[in-house]
Amino acid sequence: MLNEDYSTLINMEEIAEQSYDDMEAYMMAQEMVDKKLDEGNDKMKLATETFAAKNNITLTKESSVLADKMKQVGETNKYYNAIYLIFFKAYKQEGYMMEAVSKNNITGIEQNKNALLKYAQEGLEKLKSQNPSRAILPY
């Protein structure tokens, strides 16, 4: 099941570049796959603990450096995706405007210019609510 989800995600990647809605759907699919991986890891941890308890094995509870780094990577990816969607929306709109310019479509230029301005202003407002400190990885 997870392999199928990952294959679907890979196939969506190229399509996602074509529109904002597709990119947003692609990123949501990535989050769903990540959630399934987390659920799988939780099940594996529970199975390991159950096995250890049944077989009189003592597990150490110290924090895993890898687990900590994976958590930081997850937080960084969430931050990156939020910022990237802000950028991508304006980027795609600029492409539509440039296409109208290349066709000398005055109406299209004006409509796309107004939409681009709107998306840029919305993006600037959204950026104010982003917290980059949660996404900083220590070296």
Foldseek 3Di string as FASTA:
>chain_A
DLVVLVVVLVVLPVVLLQALVSVVVSVVSVVVSVVVVVVVVVVVVVVVVVVCVVVVHDDDDDDDPVVVVVVLQVQLSVLVSLLVSLVSNLVVLVVQLVVCVVVVPPVSNVVSVVVSVVSNVVSVVSVVPRDCVSNDDDD
